[in-house]
Amino acid sequence: MSILAWTWVIVGLSFALYIGIAFWAKAKSTGEFYVAAKQVHPVLNGMATGADWMSAASFISMAGLISFLGRDGSMYLMGWTGGYVLLAMLLAPYLRKYGKYTVPMFVGERYYSNAARVVAVVCAIFVSFTYVAGQMRGVGVVFSRFLEVPINTGVMIGMAIVFIYAVMGGMKGITYTQVAQYCVLIVAYMIPAIFISIMLTGNPIPQLGYGSSVSAGGAEILKDASAQGQHLLDVLNKIQMDLGFTAYTAGGSKSTIDVFAITFALMVGTAGLPHIIIRFFTTPTIRGARASAGWALLFIAILYTTAPAVASFARINMIKTLHNEEYAHAPSWFKNWEKTGLIIWADKNGDGIMQFGKGNAFIGGKPNKEKDNLDMKSPNELQIDRDIMVLANPEIAKLPSWVVALVAAGGLAAALSTAAGLLLVIASAFSHDLLKNVVAKNMNEKQELIAARIAAGGAVMVAGYFGIHPPGFVAQVVAFAFGLAASSFFPVIILGIFWKRASKEGAMLGMLSGIGFTAAYIIYFKFMNPPAFNVAANWLWGISPEGIGTIGMLINFAVCIVVSMITKEPPKQVQDMVESLRYPREIA
């Protein structure tokens, strides 16, 4: 069967599975809708957390960014994995002992203020919508190539699927759907990685293959007999430098301070993401929350330790497939992706041969077919969207059609699982934290459940809009969300648990100043100025918009601490609650 036929079969079966689980696990109470009635087994919760955590950014975009950034791309690996460890060790047990549904609820009660709760609600919705934009873009990319439908149509199909199982099942339906989605995405990620590792190095373990020597078969695939016996990364380094790039393993595309800032923002942003934190409320006990954190880390590590291998395999195969290849004889994968507009060639010198090298293929934003925005000073003739590298990898390596289709299903599973978790955060923030606890305190459980479902449905619509009009690459958009989470939630949660003196005034002003500064910086450089202005020379201390959340977090900490010191200390009952949270022992 063709790639299209296989894709419809595999994606159709996976969608049917997700919808079937949604009907089976339909939420019948607010407890089931918000936290799955706190009855999820730690292993299953670990798998669901892994799927929730490994979004389209992890599955689709991360390896693509590493593929283009080389060593500097490791900031995404270090930031996201380190952040999960930080969350599991520093926050999860304490928040689980607190035992309620949402992060805004914790903020409202810890800081004894509905105003603080409302600020947290606004921050949660802002962060979640920014994050979900990246997921919907990922859905559109997959549909546009593999199901051969327009990106906008693909986003709408994804919206419909998420609407069914998020609105009907709530956290209960989402949890069991995410267990299935984890199985789909991890199998889809590992199978092509194993195949390509065997083809290039003879080693079936990608994590080891990417540090192994090129085999005789690999040298034949790379069309370079001298590559046999050389380490794969040494071969890739030589190819990079021959094309004018720095060595793949040397990095240097970003300054040290920016790499540090992005890594740290991703790390502390992880610990402040409401859709991950809420997962630890779904286990029956605190011990279960800790166990699920450990299982989730194991499930996440399988993909994250494979990503560097996938990145290097994709990079070397892409260059060897395209560079100095006649366009008339371009490989089928290039022609397929060219139809989506996510990879474009412009023949600058009129020789009919594709050249890939250091420099811009085009000036400004997306190139147009008239090719009137070429950068003629650069020898590079190819514009390649980073988000296609993982999805195109099996085709580049000429793997069977069913493997290509499986990767498409995995990409959709990754994007939809995280989107569902984010939409639940938005729905619970609106219905439970805003309506039930601030606006309409007398509403009953049935009314609250209806409001939560309406809010989830409305959130799906807004998320779809962001998917059709995304502000950047998937991982870029997600990095913005992490920066916003780092600058808003992380300081007030940490201080709320470990510092009894933190006051409501400090928390509110800290959140507003942190997220306000971070959002303003991102908007200024990404949306208010041309791309040529968004360069290191114009950034504050050389820190990019992806890493500015680190500075926003420090501002939040500083404002919260200073204001708390000059305002009235929290009531005794609040301080007693903080004291009890520090000892996450089991309670009845």
Protein backbone atom coordinates (compact mmCIF):
# COMPACT_ATOMS: atom_id res chain seq x y z
CA MET A 1 0.00 0.00 0.00
CA SER A 2 1.01 3.63 -0.47
CA ILE A 3 2.08 5.95 2.34
CA LEU A 4 -1.27 7.73 2.10
CA ALA A 5 -3.25 4.49 2.41
CA TRP A 6 -1.16 3.23 5.33
CA THR A 7 -1.50 6.59 7.05
CA TRP A 8 -5.27 6.62 6.78
CA VAL A 9 -5.41 3.08 8.17
CA ILE A 10 -3.04 3.60 11.12
CA VAL A 11 -4.20 7.11 12.00
CA GLY A 12 -7.85 6.06 11.60
CA LEU A 13 -7.39 3.08 13.94
CA SER A 14 -5.60 5.21 16.53
CA PHE A 15 -8.32 7.87 16.41
CA ALA A 16 -11.00 5.21 16.79
CA LEU A 17 -9.13 3.91 19.84
CA TYR A 18 -8.98 7.38 21.42
CA ILE A 19 -12.68 8.03 20.84
CA GLY A 20 -13.62 4.59 22.15
CA ILE A 21 -11.67 5.23 25.35
CA ALA A 22 -13.38 8.61 25.71
CA PHE A 23 -16.83 6.98 25.66
CA TRP A 24 -15.70 4.22 28.03
CA ALA A 25 -14.17 6.66 30.52
CA LYS A 26 -16.77 9.42 30.39
CA ALA A 27 -16.57 11.65 33.47
CA LYS A 28 -19.69 11.58 35.64
CA SER A 29 -18.57 13.99 38.37
CA THR A 30 -16.35 17.03 38.79
CA GLY A 31 -13.84 14.85 40.65
CA GLU A 32 -13.56 12.55 37.62
CA PHE A 33 -13.47 15.52 35.25
CA TYR A 34 -10.69 17.39 37.07
CA VAL A 35 -8.49 14.67 38.65
CA ALA A 36 -9.89 11.30 37.48
CA ALA A 37 -11.29 10.76 41.01
CA LYS A 38 -7.68 10.30 42.23
CA GLN A 39 -7.82 6.61 41.25
CA VAL A 40 -5.12 6.30 38.56
CA HIS A 41 -2.44 3.62 39.12
CA PRO A 42 1.11 5.09 39.35
CA VAL A 43 2.39 3.16 36.30
CA LEU A 44 -0.55 4.27 34.16
CA ASN A 45 -0.21 7.80 35.50
CA GLY A 46 3.48 7.68 34.59
CA MET A 47 2.61 6.74 31.01
CA ALA A 48 -0.08 9.41 30.84
CA THR A 49 2.35 11.98 32.25
CA GLY A 50 4.92 10.93 29.66
CA ALA A 51 2.41 11.46 26.84
CA ASP A 52 1.23 14.73 28.38
CA TRP A 53 4.83 15.87 28.71
CA MET A 54 6.17 14.69 25.34
CA SER A 55 4.29 17.08 23.13
CA ALA A 56 4.68 17.85 19.45
CA ALA A 57 7.75 19.81 20.48
CA SER A 58 9.39 16.66 21.86
CA PHE A 59 8.27 14.29 19.11
CA ILE A 60 8.32 16.50 16.02
CA SER A 61 10.41 19.57 16.64
CA MET A 62 13.12 18.85 19.22
CA ALA A 63 15.24 16.52 17.08
CA GLY A 64 14.75 18.91 14.17
CA LEU A 65 16.19 21.77 16.18
CA ILE A 66 19.10 19.62 17.38
CA SER A 67 19.64 18.62 13.76
CA PHE A 68 20.15 22.26 12.76
CA LEU A 69 21.76 23.58 15.97
CA GLY A 70 24.05 20.62 16.66
CA ARG A 71 25.44 20.62 20.19
CA ASP A 72 23.58 23.82 21.09
CA GLY A 73 20.32 21.96 20.60
CA SER A 74 21.11 20.04 23.78
CA MET A 75 19.61 22.93 25.74
CA TYR A 76 16.17 21.53 24.95
CA LEU A 77 17.16 18.07 26.19
CA MET A 78 18.78 19.40 29.36
CA GLY A 79 16.07 21.93 30.11
CA TRP A 80 13.07 19.66 29.66
CA THR A 81 14.48 16.55 31.33
CA GLY A 82 16.12 18.53 34.15
CA GLY A 83 12.90 20.42 34.67
CA TYR A 84 10.92 17.24 35.05
CA VAL A 85 13.33 16.01 37.74
CA LEU A 86 12.99 19.38 39.47
CA LEU A 87 9.21 19.11 39.35
CA ALA A 88 9.13 15.52 40.59
CA MET A 89 11.51 16.13 43.48
CA LEU A 90 10.76 19.68 44.56
CA LEU A 91 7.07 20.29 43.93
CA ALA A 92 4.98 17.20 43.18
CA PRO A 93 4.87 15.59 46.66
CA TYR A 94 4.03 18.87 48.38
CA LEU A 95 1.29 19.83 45.93
CA ARG A 96 -0.11 16.30 46.09
CA LYS A 97 -0.37 16.59 49.87
CA TYR A 98 -2.23 19.85 49.38
CA GLY A 99 -4.63 17.59 47.48
CA LYS A 100 -6.90 19.96 45.52
CA TYR A 101 -7.57 20.19 41.80
CA THR A 102 -5.64 23.07 40.28
CA VAL A 103 -2.63 25.36 40.62
CA PRO A 104 -4.80 28.54 40.81
CA MET A 105 -6.66 26.90 43.71
CA PHE A 106 -3.35 26.41 45.53
CA VAL A 107 -2.35 30.00 44.83
CA GLY A 108 -5.74 31.31 45.99
CA GLU A 109 -5.72 29.41 49.29
CA ARG A 110 -2.00 29.70 50.04
CA TYR A 111 -2.08 33.43 49.42
CA TYR A 112 -5.52 33.80 51.09
CA SER A 113 -6.92 35.91 48.26
CA ASN A 114 -9.41 35.51 45.43
CA ALA A 115 -7.54 38.27 43.62
CA ALA A 116 -4.40 36.10 43.70
CA ARG A 117 -6.50 33.20 42.41
CA VAL A 118 -7.76 35.31 39.49
CA VAL A 119 -4.21 36.41 38.60
CA ALA A 120 -3.16 32.74 38.62
CA VAL A 121 -6.14 31.85 36.41
CA VAL A 122 -5.13 34.51 33.87
CA CYS A 123 -1.53 33.26 33.91
CA ALA A 124 -2.63 29.62 33.52
CA ILE A 125 -4.85 30.41 30.56
CA PHE A 126 -2.18 32.59 28.91
CA VAL A 127 0.54 29.95 29.32
CA SER A 128 -1.73 27.11 28.20
CA PHE A 129 -2.94 28.85 25.05
CA THR A 130 0.64 29.70 24.09
CA TYR A 131 1.64 26.06 24.59
CA VAL A 132 -1.34 24.62 22.77
CA ALA A 133 -0.56 26.75 19.70
CA GLY A 134 2.55 24.65 19.17
CA GLN A 135 0.58 21.42 19.44
CA MET A 136 -1.98 22.47 16.87
CA ARG A 137 0.75 23.54 14.46
CA GLY A 138 2.23 20.05 14.84
CA VAL A 139 -1.15 18.51 14.00
CA GLY A 140 -1.38 20.68 10.89
CA VAL A 141 2.13 19.76 9.72
CA VAL A 142 1.40 16.03 10.00
CA PHE A 143 -1.96 16.24 8.22
CA SER A 144 -0.65 18.45 5.42
CA ARG A 145 2.00 15.95 4.40
CA PHE A 146 0.78 12.49 5.25
CA LEU A 147 -2.96 12.81 4.74
CA GLU A 148 -2.52 15.32 1.91
CA VAL A 149 -5.01 17.82 3.25
CA PRO A 150 -4.44 21.55 3.82
CA ILE A 151 -2.85 22.47 7.15
CA ASN A 152 -6.01 24.35 8.19
CA THR A 153 -8.16 21.29 7.52
CA GLY A 154 -5.76 19.12 9.48
CA VAL A 155 -5.96 21.46 12.46
CA MET A 156 -9.76 21.31 12.36
CA ILE A 157 -9.74 17.48 12.31
CA GLY A 158 -7.40 17.49 15.29
CA MET A 159 -9.71 19.94 17.07
CA ALA A 160 -12.66 17.62 16.54
CA ILE A 161 -10.84 14.60 18.00
CA VAL A 162 -9.59 16.50 21.06
CA PHE A 163 -13.04 18.00 21.55
CA ILE A 164 -14.62 14.55 21.83
CA TYR A 165 -12.35 13.00 24.43
CA ALA A 166 -11.42 16.14 26.38
CA VAL A 167 -14.95 17.51 26.68
CA MET A 168 -16.60 14.15 27.36
CA GLY A 169 -14.02 12.37 29.48
CA GLY A 170 -12.27 15.20 31.29
CA MET A 171 -9.17 14.07 33.20
CA LYS A 172 -10.48 10.52 33.44
CA GLY A 173 -10.92 10.16 29.69
CA ILE A 174 -7.74 12.11 28.93
CA THR A 175 -5.65 9.94 31.28
CA TYR A 176 -6.55 6.62 29.69
CA THR A 177 -6.38 8.09 26.21
CA GLN A 178 -2.89 9.37 26.99
CA VAL A 179 -1.81 5.88 28.06
CA ALA A 180 -2.75 4.67 24.57
CA GLN A 181 -1.13 7.70 22.97
CA TYR A 182 2.12 7.08 24.82
CA CYS A 183 2.26 3.54 23.44
CA VAL A 184 1.63 4.84 19.91
CA LEU A 185 4.15 7.68 20.04
CA ILE A 186 7.02 5.73 21.62
CA VAL A 187 6.69 2.83 19.18
CA ALA A 188 6.46 5.31 16.30
CA TYR A 189 9.59 7.13 17.46
CA MET A 190 11.74 4.08 18.19
CA ILE A 191 11.07 1.85 15.17
CA PRO A 192 12.53 4.18 12.50
CA ALA A 193 15.38 5.14 14.84
CA ILE A 194 16.29 1.45 15.27
CA PHE A 195 16.02 0.75 11.53
CA ILE A 196 18.21 3.71 10.55
CA SER A 197 20.77 2.95 13.28
CA ILE A 198 21.13 -0.58 11.88
CA MET A 199 21.38 0.72 8.31
CA LEU A 200 24.12 3.28 9.08
CA THR A 201 26.13 1.60 11.85
CA GLY A 202 24.89 -1.96 12.26
CA ASN A 203 23.98 -1.18 15.88
CA PRO A 204 20.29 -1.76 16.75
CA ILE A 205 20.36 0.60 19.75
CA PRO A 206 20.06 4.19 18.45
CA GLN A 207 21.53 5.72 21.62
CA LEU A 208 24.72 3.69 20.97
CA GLY A 209 24.53 3.70 17.18
CA TYR A 210 24.87 7.43 17.00
CA GLY A 211 28.27 7.13 18.69
CA SER A 212 29.33 4.09 16.65
CA SER A 213 31.32 3.71 13.44
CA VAL A 214 29.75 3.74 10.00
CA SER A 215 29.26 0.24 8.61
CA ALA A 216 29.95 -0.89 5.05
CA GLY A 217 26.23 -0.62 4.28
CA GLY A 218 26.15 2.82 5.88
CA ALA A 219 29.04 4.02 3.73
CA GLU A 220 27.14 2.85 0.66
CA ILE A 221 24.03 4.74 1.77
CA LEU A 222 26.11 7.87 2.35
CA LYS A 223 27.82 7.41 -1.04
CA ASP A 224 31.19 7.76 0.64
CA ALA A 225 33.45 4.69 0.79
CA SER A 226 35.92 6.54 3.02
CA ALA A 227 33.24 6.85 5.73
CA GLN A 228 33.41 3.13 6.54
CA GLY A 229 35.00 2.59 9.95
CA GLN A 230 34.82 6.27 10.91
CA HIS A 231 32.64 7.45 13.78
CA LEU A 232 29.29 8.69 12.50
CA LEU A 233 29.66 12.05 14.25
CA ASP A 234 33.15 12.53 12.78
CA VAL A 235 31.69 11.98 9.31
CA LEU A 236 28.89 14.45 10.06
CA ASN A 237 31.36 17.02 11.40
CA LYS A 238 33.40 16.82 8.19
CA ILE A 239 30.28 17.20 6.02
CA GLN A 240 29.19 20.22 8.06
CA MET A 241 32.55 21.97 7.81
CA ASP A 242 32.84 21.26 4.09
CA LEU A 243 29.55 23.13 3.64
CA GLY A 244 30.69 26.13 5.69
CA PHE A 245 28.97 25.24 8.97
CA THR A 246 30.70 24.79 12.30
CA ALA A 247 31.31 21.21 13.40
CA TYR A 248 28.08 19.50 14.46
CA THR A 249 29.52 18.63 17.87
CA ALA A 250 31.13 22.04 18.43
CA GLY A 251 28.06 24.24 18.75
CA GLY A 252 28.67 27.97 18.72
CA SER A 253 25.45 29.03 17.01
CA LYS A 254 24.31 30.63 20.27
CA SER A 255 26.13 32.49 23.01
CA THR A 256 26.83 30.71 26.29
CA ILE A 257 24.57 33.05 28.26
CA ASP A 258 21.68 32.43 25.86
CA VAL A 259 22.13 28.66 26.00
CA PHE A 260 22.13 28.88 29.81
CA ALA A 261 19.08 31.17 29.87
CA ILE A 262 17.04 28.97 27.53
CA THR A 263 18.01 25.80 29.42
CA PHE A 264 17.13 27.33 32.78
CA ALA A 265 13.85 28.80 31.50
CA LEU A 266 12.83 25.42 30.12
CA MET A 267 13.80 23.74 33.39
CA VAL A 268 11.93 25.99 35.80
CA GLY A 269 9.14 26.46 33.27
CA THR A 270 8.58 22.71 33.45
CA ALA A 271 8.14 22.95 37.19
CA GLY A 272 5.55 25.67 36.69
CA LEU A 273 3.43 24.07 33.96
CA PRO A 274 -0.09 23.57 35.32
CA HIS A 275 -1.00 20.69 33.00
CA ILE A 276 1.92 18.62 34.33
CA ILE A 277 1.45 19.58 37.97
CA ILE A 278 -2.22 18.56 37.90
CA ARG A 279 -1.24 15.02 36.87
CA PHE A 280 0.14 14.39 40.35
CA PHE A 281 -3.32 15.03 41.83
CA THR A 282 -4.73 11.95 40.03
CA THR A 283 -3.02 9.23 42.10
CA PRO A 284 -4.65 7.78 45.24
CA THR A 285 -1.71 8.62 47.57
CA ILE A 286 1.38 10.80 47.94
CA ARG A 287 3.50 7.66 47.62
CA GLY A 288 1.71 6.98 44.35
CA ALA A 289 2.49 10.51 43.13
CA ARG A 290 6.18 9.93 43.79
CA ALA A 291 6.11 6.52 42.11
CA SER A 292 4.31 7.89 39.05
CA ALA A 293 6.96 10.62 38.79
CA GLY A 294 9.66 7.94 38.66
CA TRP A 295 7.79 5.89 36.06
CA ALA A 296 7.17 8.98 33.97
CA LEU A 297 10.87 9.85 34.01
CA LEU A 298 11.69 6.36 32.73
CA PHE A 299 9.09 6.57 29.96
CA ILE A 300 10.26 10.06 28.97
CA ALA A 301 13.93 9.03 28.97
CA ILE A 302 13.31 6.42 26.27
CA LEU A 303 12.44 9.13 23.76
CA TYR A 304 14.76 11.85 25.03
CA THR A 305 17.88 9.69 24.90
CA THR A 306 16.95 8.68 21.35
CA ALA A 307 16.37 12.24 20.05
CA PRO A 308 20.08 13.12 19.50
CA ALA A 309 20.50 9.98 17.42
CA VAL A 310 17.42 10.77 15.33
CA ALA A 311 18.73 14.33 14.84
CA SER A 312 22.14 13.21 13.58
CA PHE A 313 20.68 10.47 11.36
CA ALA A 314 18.23 12.94 9.79
CA ARG A 315 20.90 15.61 9.28
CA ILE A 316 23.44 13.38 7.55
CA ASN A 317 20.82 11.65 5.38
CA MET A 318 19.20 14.95 4.40
CA ILE A 319 22.48 16.53 3.29
CA LYS A 320 23.62 13.45 1.40
CA THR A 321 20.23 13.16 -0.29
CA LEU A 322 19.86 16.78 -1.42
CA HIS A 323 23.19 18.60 -1.67
CA ASN A 324 24.49 18.78 -5.27
CA GLU A 325 21.54 16.70 -6.48
CA GLU A 326 19.85 17.67 -9.74
CA TYR A 327 16.38 19.00 -9.07
CA ALA A 328 15.02 16.97 -11.99
CA HIS A 329 16.18 13.83 -10.17
CA ALA A 330 15.31 14.98 -6.65
CA PRO A 331 14.26 12.14 -4.30
CA SER A 332 10.57 11.44 -3.88
CA TRP A 333 10.57 12.57 -0.24
CA PHE A 334 11.69 16.04 -1.30
CA LYS A 335 8.93 16.29 -3.93
CA ASN A 336 6.34 15.11 -1.39
CA TRP A 337 7.32 17.67 1.24
CA GLU A 338 7.77 20.43 -1.34
CA LYS A 339 4.01 20.29 -1.95
CA THR A 340 3.40 21.36 1.66
CA GLY A 341 5.60 24.47 1.34
CA LEU A 342 7.69 23.33 4.31
CA ILE A 343 10.78 22.79 2.15
CA ILE A 344 11.49 25.05 -0.84
CA TRP A 345 14.27 25.29 -3.42
CA ALA A 346 15.21 28.37 -5.43
CA ASP A 347 17.78 27.97 -8.22
CA LYS A 348 19.88 31.10 -7.66
CA ASN A 349 22.63 30.29 -10.18
CA GLY A 350 20.40 28.63 -12.78
CA ASP A 351 22.35 25.34 -12.89
CA GLY A 352 19.42 23.12 -11.95
CA ILE A 353 21.35 21.67 -9.02
CA MET A 354 20.29 22.02 -5.37
CA GLN A 355 22.92 23.51 -3.06
CA PHE A 356 22.68 23.45 0.72
CA GLY A 357 25.11 25.41 2.84
CA LYS A 358 25.63 28.08 5.45
CA GLY A 359 23.51 31.20 5.02
CA ASN A 360 19.96 32.27 4.34
CA ALA A 361 18.12 30.88 1.36
CA PHE A 362 15.63 33.73 1.60
CA ILE A 363 15.33 37.12 3.22
CA GLY A 364 12.52 37.80 5.65
CA GLY A 365 9.63 35.45 6.30
CA LYS A 366 8.30 32.59 4.23
CA PRO A 367 9.60 32.58 0.65
CA ASN A 368 7.07 32.98 -2.14
CA LYS A 369 6.90 31.15 -5.42
CA GLU A 370 7.98 34.21 -7.38
CA LYS A 371 11.26 34.01 -5.41
CA ASP A 372 11.57 37.78 -5.15
CA ASN A 373 13.06 37.67 -1.65
CA LEU A 374 16.22 35.66 -2.34
CA ASP A 375 19.41 36.29 -0.40
CA MET A 376 21.80 36.26 -3.35
CA LYS A 377 24.86 36.73 -1.12
CA SER A 378 24.36 33.24 0.30
CA PRO A 379 25.08 30.05 -1.68
CA ASN A 380 22.26 28.28 0.14
CA GLU A 381 19.28 27.50 -2.10
CA LEU A 382 17.17 25.42 0.30
CA GLN A 383 14.71 26.63 2.92
CA ILE A 384 13.89 23.76 5.30
CA ASP A 385 11.34 23.91 8.10
CA ARG A 386 12.86 22.33 11.21
CA ASP A 387 9.55 20.68 12.06
CA ILE A 388 9.75 18.25 9.15
CA MET A 389 13.00 16.51 10.06
CA VAL A 390 11.61 13.76 12.31
CA LEU A 391 8.54 13.25 10.13
CA ALA A 392 10.58 13.09 6.92
CA ASN A 393 13.35 10.94 8.42
CA PRO A 394 11.81 7.52 7.51
CA GLU A 395 11.17 8.69 3.94
CA ILE A 396 14.69 10.05 3.57
CA ALA A 397 16.04 6.68 4.73
CA LYS A 398 13.67 4.86 2.33
CA LEU A 399 11.96 2.87 5.06
CA PRO A 400 8.72 0.93 4.33
CA SER A 401 5.51 2.92 3.89
CA TRP A 402 3.95 1.53 7.07
CA VAL A 403 6.86 2.93 9.12
CA VAL A 404 6.31 6.37 7.59
CA ALA A 405 2.61 6.16 8.43
CA LEU A 406 3.38 5.02 11.97
CA VAL A 407 5.52 8.13 12.52
CA ALA A 408 2.61 10.27 11.36
CA ALA A 409 0.34 8.58 13.92
CA GLY A 410 2.98 9.09 16.61
CA GLY A 411 3.30 12.78 15.85
CA LEU A 412 -0.46 13.21 16.11
CA ALA A 413 -0.55 11.23 19.37
CA ALA A 414 2.14 13.48 20.88
CA ALA A 415 0.41 16.70 19.81
CA LEU A 416 -3.12 15.67 20.76
CA SER A 417 -2.17 14.21 24.16
CA THR A 418 -0.56 17.46 25.31
CA ALA A 419 -3.27 19.59 23.74
CA ALA A 420 -5.90 17.69 25.73
CA GLY A 421 -4.05 18.24 29.00
CA LEU A 422 -3.69 21.94 28.30
CA LEU A 423 -7.34 22.32 27.37
CA LEU A 424 -8.33 20.66 30.64
CA VAL A 425 -6.22 23.22 32.54
CA ILE A 426 -8.00 26.03 30.71
CA ALA A 427 -11.42 24.48 31.38
CA SER A 428 -10.76 23.86 35.08
CA ALA A 429 -9.25 27.32 35.56
CA PHE A 430 -12.36 28.90 34.07
CA SER A 431 -15.08 26.70 35.57
CA HIS A 432 -13.64 25.73 38.95
CA ASP A 433 -11.31 28.56 39.90
CA LEU A 434 -13.12 31.49 38.32
CA LEU A 435 -16.83 30.58 38.23
CA LYS A 436 -17.21 28.19 41.18
CA ASN A 437 -14.87 29.99 43.60
CA VAL A 438 -15.18 33.64 42.57
CA VAL A 439 -18.16 34.52 40.38
CA ALA A 440 -20.92 31.98 41.19
CA LYS A 441 -20.07 30.28 44.46
CA ASN A 442 -23.53 28.69 44.77
CA MET A 443 -23.42 26.70 41.54
CA ASN A 444 -23.93 22.95 42.04
CA GLU A 445 -21.73 20.12 40.76
CA LYS A 446 -23.87 19.48 37.67
CA GLN A 447 -23.72 23.15 36.66
CA GLU A 448 -19.98 23.23 37.24
CA LEU A 449 -19.47 20.13 35.08
CA ILE A 450 -21.51 21.72 32.27
CA ALA A 451 -19.47 24.93 32.58
CA ALA A 452 -16.21 22.93 32.46
CA ARG A 453 -17.30 21.19 29.25
CA ILE A 454 -18.39 24.46 27.64
CA ALA A 455 -15.06 26.03 28.63
CA ALA A 456 -13.15 23.08 27.17
CA GLY A 457 -15.11 23.39 23.92
CA GLY A 458 -14.41 27.11 23.69
CA ALA A 459 -10.74 26.49 24.41
CA VAL A 460 -10.58 23.98 21.54
CA MET A 461 -11.84 26.66 19.14
CA VAL A 462 -9.27 29.22 20.26
CA ALA A 463 -6.52 26.58 20.15
CA GLY A 464 -7.49 25.80 16.56
CA TYR A 465 -7.08 29.45 15.61
CA PHE A 466 -3.58 29.47 17.07
CA GLY A 467 -2.78 26.28 15.17
CA ILE A 468 -3.78 27.93 11.90
CA HIS A 469 -1.86 31.12 12.74
CA PRO A 470 1.18 29.90 14.74
CA PRO A 471 3.81 32.38 15.97
CA GLY A 472 6.80 30.15 15.13
CA PHE A 473 8.28 26.65 15.00
CA VAL A 474 6.65 24.14 17.34
CA ALA A 475 9.58 24.04 19.76
CA GLN A 476 9.94 27.83 19.60
CA VAL A 477 6.32 28.37 20.57
CA VAL A 478 6.61 25.80 23.35
CA ALA A 479 9.78 27.52 24.59
CA PHE A 480 7.77 30.76 24.87
CA ALA A 481 5.15 28.91 26.97
CA PHE A 482 7.83 27.52 29.26
CA GLY A 483 9.30 31.00 29.70
CA LEU A 484 5.89 32.36 30.62
CA ALA A 485 5.36 29.52 33.11
CA ALA A 486 8.80 30.07 34.61
CA SER A 487 8.16 33.78 35.08
CA SER A 488 4.67 33.39 36.56
CA PHE A 489 4.07 30.17 38.50
CA PHE A 490 7.44 28.77 39.58
CA PRO A 491 8.42 31.51 42.06
CA VAL A 492 5.04 31.74 43.79
CA ILE A 493 4.77 27.95 44.11
CA ILE A 494 8.31 27.58 45.49
CA LEU A 495 7.91 30.50 47.90
CA GLY A 496 4.42 29.34 48.78
CA ILE A 497 5.75 25.96 49.91
CA PHE A 498 9.08 26.90 51.47
CA TRP A 499 8.65 30.47 52.81
CA LYS A 500 5.86 31.18 55.27
CA ARG A 501 6.40 34.95 55.00
CA ALA A 502 5.33 35.17 51.33
CA SER A 503 2.24 37.41 51.23
CA LYS A 504 -0.68 37.79 48.85
CA GLU A 505 0.53 41.21 47.70
CA GLY A 506 3.98 39.82 46.94
CA ALA A 507 2.56 36.86 45.01
CA MET A 508 0.22 38.94 42.86
CA LEU A 509 2.76 41.64 42.02
CA GLY A 510 5.44 39.00 41.45
CA MET A 511 3.29 37.04 38.97
CA LEU A 512 2.16 40.14 37.11
CA SER A 513 5.63 41.66 36.86
CA GLY A 514 7.30 38.38 35.83
CA ILE A 515 4.84 37.33 33.16
CA GLY A 516 4.33 40.94 32.03
CA PHE A 517 8.03 41.49 31.40
CA THR A 518 8.45 38.12 29.68
CA ALA A 519 5.39 38.50 27.45
CA ALA A 520 6.33 42.07 26.49
CA TYR A 521 9.86 40.98 25.54
CA ILE A 522 8.60 38.09 23.39
CA ILE A 523 5.93 40.23 21.70
CA TYR A 524 8.39 43.07 21.04
CA PHE A 525 11.01 40.93 19.32
CA LYS A 526 8.78 38.34 17.67
CA PHE A 527 5.78 40.34 16.53
CA MET A 528 6.51 44.07 16.59
CA ASN A 529 9.74 44.10 14.59
CA PRO A 530 10.99 42.49 11.36
CA PRO A 531 12.93 39.21 11.63
CA ALA A 532 16.19 41.01 10.86
CA PHE A 533 15.78 42.98 14.12
CA ASN A 534 15.41 39.81 16.20
CA VAL A 535 19.17 39.20 16.57
CA ALA A 536 21.52 38.82 19.51
CA ALA A 537 22.91 42.35 19.12
CA ASN A 538 19.50 43.80 20.04
CA TRP A 539 18.62 41.37 22.85
CA LEU A 540 18.97 42.20 26.53
CA TRP A 541 22.38 40.81 27.56
CA GLY A 542 22.27 38.64 24.45
CA ILE A 543 19.31 36.60 25.77
CA SER A 544 16.80 35.49 23.12
CA PRO A 545 13.00 35.56 23.54
CA GLU A 546 13.13 31.78 24.10
CA GLY A 547 15.32 32.30 27.19
CA ILE A 548 13.97 35.55 28.61
CA GLY A 549 11.72 33.64 31.01
CA THR A 550 14.81 33.19 33.20
CA ILE A 551 15.01 36.96 33.74
CA GLY A 552 11.23 37.15 34.21
CA MET A 553 11.49 34.47 36.90
CA LEU A 554 14.20 36.44 38.75
CA ILE A 555 12.03 39.57 38.57
CA ASN A 556 9.09 37.60 39.99
CA PHE A 557 11.22 36.27 42.86
CA ALA A 558 12.64 39.71 43.64
CA VAL A 559 9.29 41.50 43.57
CA CYS A 560 7.54 38.80 45.61
CA ILE A 561 10.24 38.75 48.29
CA VAL A 562 10.60 42.54 48.60
CA VAL A 563 6.84 43.21 48.66
CA SER A 564 6.26 40.35 51.13
CA MET A 565 8.86 41.82 53.48
CA ILE A 566 7.16 45.22 53.57
CA THR A 567 3.55 44.00 53.79
CA LYS A 568 1.64 42.24 56.54
CA GLU A 569 2.62 38.62 57.09
CA PRO A 570 0.12 35.86 56.21
CA PRO A 571 -2.47 34.76 58.80
CA LYS A 572 -1.46 32.04 61.25
CA GLN A 573 -3.68 29.38 59.68
CA VAL A 574 -1.94 29.94 56.34
CA GLN A 575 1.48 29.67 57.93
CA ASP A 576 0.38 26.46 59.65
CA MET A 577 -0.76 25.08 56.29
CA VAL A 578 2.65 25.89 54.79
CA GLU A 579 4.35 24.18 57.72
CA SER A 580 2.30 21.02 57.14
CA LEU A 581 3.04 21.00 53.39
CA ARG A 582 6.78 20.71 54.02
CA TYR A 583 6.38 17.20 55.37
CA PRO A 584 4.65 15.23 52.60
CA ARG A 585 3.72 12.25 54.74
CA GLU A 586 0.75 10.07 53.94
CA ILE A 587 -2.55 11.28 55.36
CA ALA A 588 -5.84 9.48 55.66
